[in-house]
Amino acid sequence: MRKQEATARRYAKALFLAAREAGRQEAIGQELESALRVVATNRRLEEVLTRPWITGATKKAIATAIAERLGCSALVKNFLGLLAGRGRIDHVAEIARAYRDLLDQAAGRVRAQVKSAVALGERERQQLGTGLGRIVGKAVIVEDSVDATLLGGFVAQIGSLVLDGSLDGQLARVRERVVRG
């Protein structure tokens, strides 16, 4: 898996540099994400693009046709064709993630994975992003999910930083203090 991530980072960086030269980093990222969704949601398509006995030229033609149907730019169309032709289409999810990380880094923002006891509303998500942004000193994009095992509150992770504002965490800290005396 490490090798696949390293390969994905190299491809993402090459695409990012080409997109930056064209001044279309965000748009290219969105096109890549839409192509990823198509491949990920169509199991038969994914199987065809990853089968080793199908020629690279055939895979390239299929990937290029998909990108064309999606209305992708020539850069993304050629990029997906290159991936398919080289048998790397199975890396597209990691490439999209690495590309998104490069975009975030260039824009001075980070992503926070937030688990909460109940679904967050848009206003709560924005307030949480603003508060977390003050802590880390960057703009924060909140990616939230519901964790039914939490009694209340939230747990946020930004890289290696974990902020536990959950009721479970507070009870654990109280329990620890009581045990210590």
Protein backbone atom coordinates (compact mmCIF):
# COMPACT_ATOMS: atom_id res chain seq x y z
CA MET A 1 0.00 0.00 0.00
CA ARG A 2 2.89 2.38 0.75
CA LYS A 3 4.22 1.95 -2.78
CA GLN A 4 0.78 2.71 -4.23
CA GLU A 5 0.54 5.89 -2.13
CA ALA A 6 3.99 7.02 -3.27
CA THR A 7 3.04 6.38 -6.89
CA ALA A 8 -0.24 8.25 -6.38
CA ARG A 9 1.59 11.25 -4.92
CA ARG A 10 3.91 11.42 -7.93
CA TYR A 11 1.01 11.32 -10.40
CA ALA A 12 -0.97 13.85 -8.33
CA LYS A 13 1.98 16.21 -8.18
CA ALA A 14 2.49 16.02 -11.95
CA LEU A 15 -1.19 16.73 -12.56
CA PHE A 16 -1.17 19.55 -10.00
CA LEU A 17 1.83 21.24 -11.62
CA ALA A 18 0.22 21.01 -15.07
CA ALA A 19 -3.07 22.36 -13.67
CA ARG A 20 -1.27 25.21 -11.91
CA GLU A 21 0.45 26.13 -15.15
CA ALA A 22 -2.98 26.29 -16.78
CA GLY A 23 -4.38 28.20 -13.77
CA ARG A 24 -7.12 25.61 -13.23
CA GLN A 25 -6.13 23.70 -10.06
CA GLU A 26 -9.57 23.70 -8.43
CA ALA A 27 -11.46 22.86 -11.64
CA ILE A 28 -9.08 20.01 -12.47
CA GLY A 29 -9.53 18.65 -8.95
CA GLN A 30 -13.31 18.67 -9.37
CA GLU A 31 -13.06 16.92 -12.74
CA LEU A 32 -10.80 14.26 -11.24
CA GLU A 33 -13.26 13.73 -8.36
CA SER A 34 -16.19 13.34 -10.76
CA ALA A 35 -14.27 10.77 -12.82
CA LEU A 36 -13.41 8.93 -9.61
CA ARG A 37 -17.09 8.81 -8.63
CA VAL A 38 -18.04 7.32 -11.99
CA VAL A 39 -15.39 4.61 -11.78
CA ALA A 40 -16.07 3.87 -8.10
CA THR A 41 -19.84 3.57 -8.52
CA ASN A 42 -19.73 1.37 -11.62
CA ARG A 43 -18.32 -2.00 -10.58
CA ARG A 44 -18.27 -3.46 -14.11
CA LEU A 45 -16.39 -0.45 -15.43
CA GLU A 46 -13.84 -0.71 -12.64
CA GLU A 47 -13.38 -4.42 -13.36
CA VAL A 48 -12.80 -3.80 -17.07
CA LEU A 49 -10.29 -1.04 -16.39
CA THR A 50 -8.30 -3.17 -13.95
CA ARG A 51 -8.26 -6.54 -15.77
CA PRO A 52 -4.72 -7.42 -16.78
CA TRP A 53 -5.64 -9.19 -20.03
CA ILE A 54 -7.33 -6.13 -21.52
CA THR A 55 -4.82 -4.12 -23.50
CA GLY A 56 -3.60 -0.74 -22.34
CA ALA A 57 -4.85 0.86 -25.56
CA THR A 58 -8.38 -0.43 -24.93
CA LYS A 59 -8.33 0.76 -21.33
CA LYS A 60 -7.03 4.14 -22.46
CA ALA A 61 -9.85 4.45 -25.02
CA ILE A 62 -12.47 3.61 -22.37
CA ALA A 63 -11.05 6.07 -19.82
CA THR A 64 -10.79 8.80 -22.43
CA ALA A 65 -14.40 8.20 -23.51
CA ILE A 66 -15.57 8.44 -19.88
CA ALA A 67 -13.72 11.73 -19.40
CA GLU A 68 -15.18 13.07 -22.64
CA ARG A 69 -18.73 12.15 -21.57
CA LEU A 70 -18.17 13.92 -18.27
CA GLY A 71 -17.06 17.04 -20.12
CA CYS A 72 -13.58 16.95 -18.62
CA SER A 73 -10.81 19.14 -19.92
CA ALA A 74 -8.15 17.78 -22.24
CA LEU A 75 -5.72 17.67 -19.32
CA VAL A 76 -7.92 15.34 -17.25
CA LYS A 77 -8.92 13.33 -20.30
CA ASN A 78 -5.29 12.72 -21.22
CA PHE A 79 -4.36 12.07 -17.60
CA LEU A 80 -7.05 9.41 -17.14
CA GLY A 81 -6.04 7.87 -20.47
CA LEU A 82 -2.44 7.74 -19.31
CA LEU A 83 -3.43 6.10 -16.01
CA ALA A 84 -5.59 3.52 -17.75
CA GLY A 85 -3.02 2.79 -20.42
CA ARG A 86 -0.33 2.21 -17.83
CA GLY A 87 -2.56 0.02 -15.68
CA ARG A 88 -2.74 2.58 -12.87
CA ILE A 89 -6.47 3.36 -12.93
CA ASP A 90 -6.78 1.48 -9.64
CA HIS A 91 -4.68 4.31 -8.12
CA VAL A 92 -7.20 7.01 -9.04
CA ALA A 93 -8.72 7.25 -5.53
CA GLU A 94 -5.30 7.75 -3.93
CA ILE A 95 -4.31 10.17 -6.69
CA ALA A 96 -7.47 12.24 -6.12
CA ARG A 97 -6.79 12.30 -2.37
CA ALA A 98 -3.15 13.33 -2.90
CA TYR A 99 -4.26 16.00 -5.41
CA ARG A 100 -6.79 17.34 -2.89
CA ASP A 101 -4.02 17.48 -0.26
CA LEU A 102 -1.83 19.48 -2.65
CA LEU A 103 -4.73 21.86 -3.34
CA ASP A 104 -5.35 22.31 0.38
CA GLN A 105 -1.68 22.91 1.07
CA ALA A 106 -1.45 25.51 -1.71
CA ALA A 107 -4.58 27.26 -0.43
CA GLY A 108 -3.39 27.22 3.21
CA ARG A 109 -6.18 25.05 4.50
CA VAL A 110 -6.48 21.74 6.35
CA ARG A 111 -9.21 19.13 6.70
CA ALA A 112 -10.67 18.04 10.00
CA GLN A 113 -12.36 14.67 10.39
CA VAL A 114 -15.06 15.26 12.98
CA LYS A 115 -17.12 12.53 14.61
CA SER A 116 -20.15 13.68 16.53
CA ALA A 117 -23.01 12.04 18.42
CA VAL A 118 -25.59 13.67 16.13
CA ALA A 119 -25.42 15.09 12.61
CA LEU A 120 -24.06 18.61 12.45
CA GLY A 121 -26.03 21.37 10.79
CA GLU A 122 -24.39 23.74 8.33
CA ARG A 123 -24.15 26.52 10.94
CA GLU A 124 -22.57 24.17 13.51
CA ARG A 125 -20.12 22.90 10.91
CA GLN A 126 -19.09 26.48 10.08
CA GLN A 127 -18.72 27.46 13.76
CA LEU A 128 -16.66 24.36 14.44
CA GLY A 129 -14.48 25.07 11.40
CA THR A 130 -13.92 28.64 12.57
CA GLY A 131 -13.02 27.52 16.10
CA LEU A 132 -10.67 24.82 14.88
CA GLY A 133 -9.15 27.32 12.45
CA ARG A 134 -8.22 29.60 15.36
CA ILE A 135 -6.47 26.68 17.05
CA VAL A 136 -4.42 25.55 14.03
CA GLY A 137 -4.00 28.95 12.38
CA LYS A 138 -5.38 27.86 9.02
CA ALA A 139 -8.72 27.62 7.28
CA VAL A 140 -10.39 24.33 8.23
CA ILE A 141 -12.71 22.22 6.09
CA VAL A 142 -14.88 20.08 8.35
CA GLU A 143 -15.62 16.56 7.13
CA ASP A 144 -18.14 15.25 9.63
CA SER A 145 -19.66 11.88 10.35
CA VAL A 146 -21.99 10.53 13.01
CA ASP A 147 -20.57 8.11 15.58
CA ALA A 148 -23.47 6.50 17.42
CA THR A 149 -21.12 5.22 20.14
CA LEU A 150 -20.49 8.77 21.39
CA LEU A 151 -22.76 9.92 24.20
CA GLY A 152 -22.48 13.56 23.17
CA GLY A 153 -20.07 16.16 21.83
CA PHE A 154 -17.46 15.57 19.13
CA VAL A 155 -13.96 14.31 18.43
CA ALA A 156 -11.98 16.23 15.81
CA GLN A 157 -8.79 15.09 14.13
CA ILE A 158 -6.58 17.38 12.07
CA GLY A 159 -3.54 15.43 10.96
CA SER A 160 -2.02 14.06 14.16
CA LEU A 161 -3.84 16.57 16.40
CA VAL A 162 -6.87 15.08 18.15
CA LEU A 163 -9.30 17.31 20.03
CA ASP A 164 -11.69 15.34 22.21
CA GLY A 165 -14.74 17.40 23.15
CA SER A 166 -16.94 14.39 23.63
CA LEU A 167 -18.88 13.51 26.75
CA ASP A 168 -17.08 10.15 26.70
CA GLY A 169 -13.73 11.94 26.81
CA GLN A 170 -14.83 14.23 29.63
CA LEU A 171 -16.03 11.25 31.69
CA ALA A 172 -12.73 9.45 31.07
CA ARG A 173 -10.78 12.52 32.28
CA VAL A 174 -12.96 12.78 35.40
CA ARG A 175 -12.48 9.06 36.07
CA GLU A 176 -8.71 9.51 35.69
CA ARG A 177 -8.66 12.40 38.17
CA VAL A 178 -10.69 10.41 40.70
CA VAL A 179 -8.35 7.43 40.40
CA ARG A 180 -5.27 9.65 40.85
CA GLY A 181 -6.89 11.19 43.91
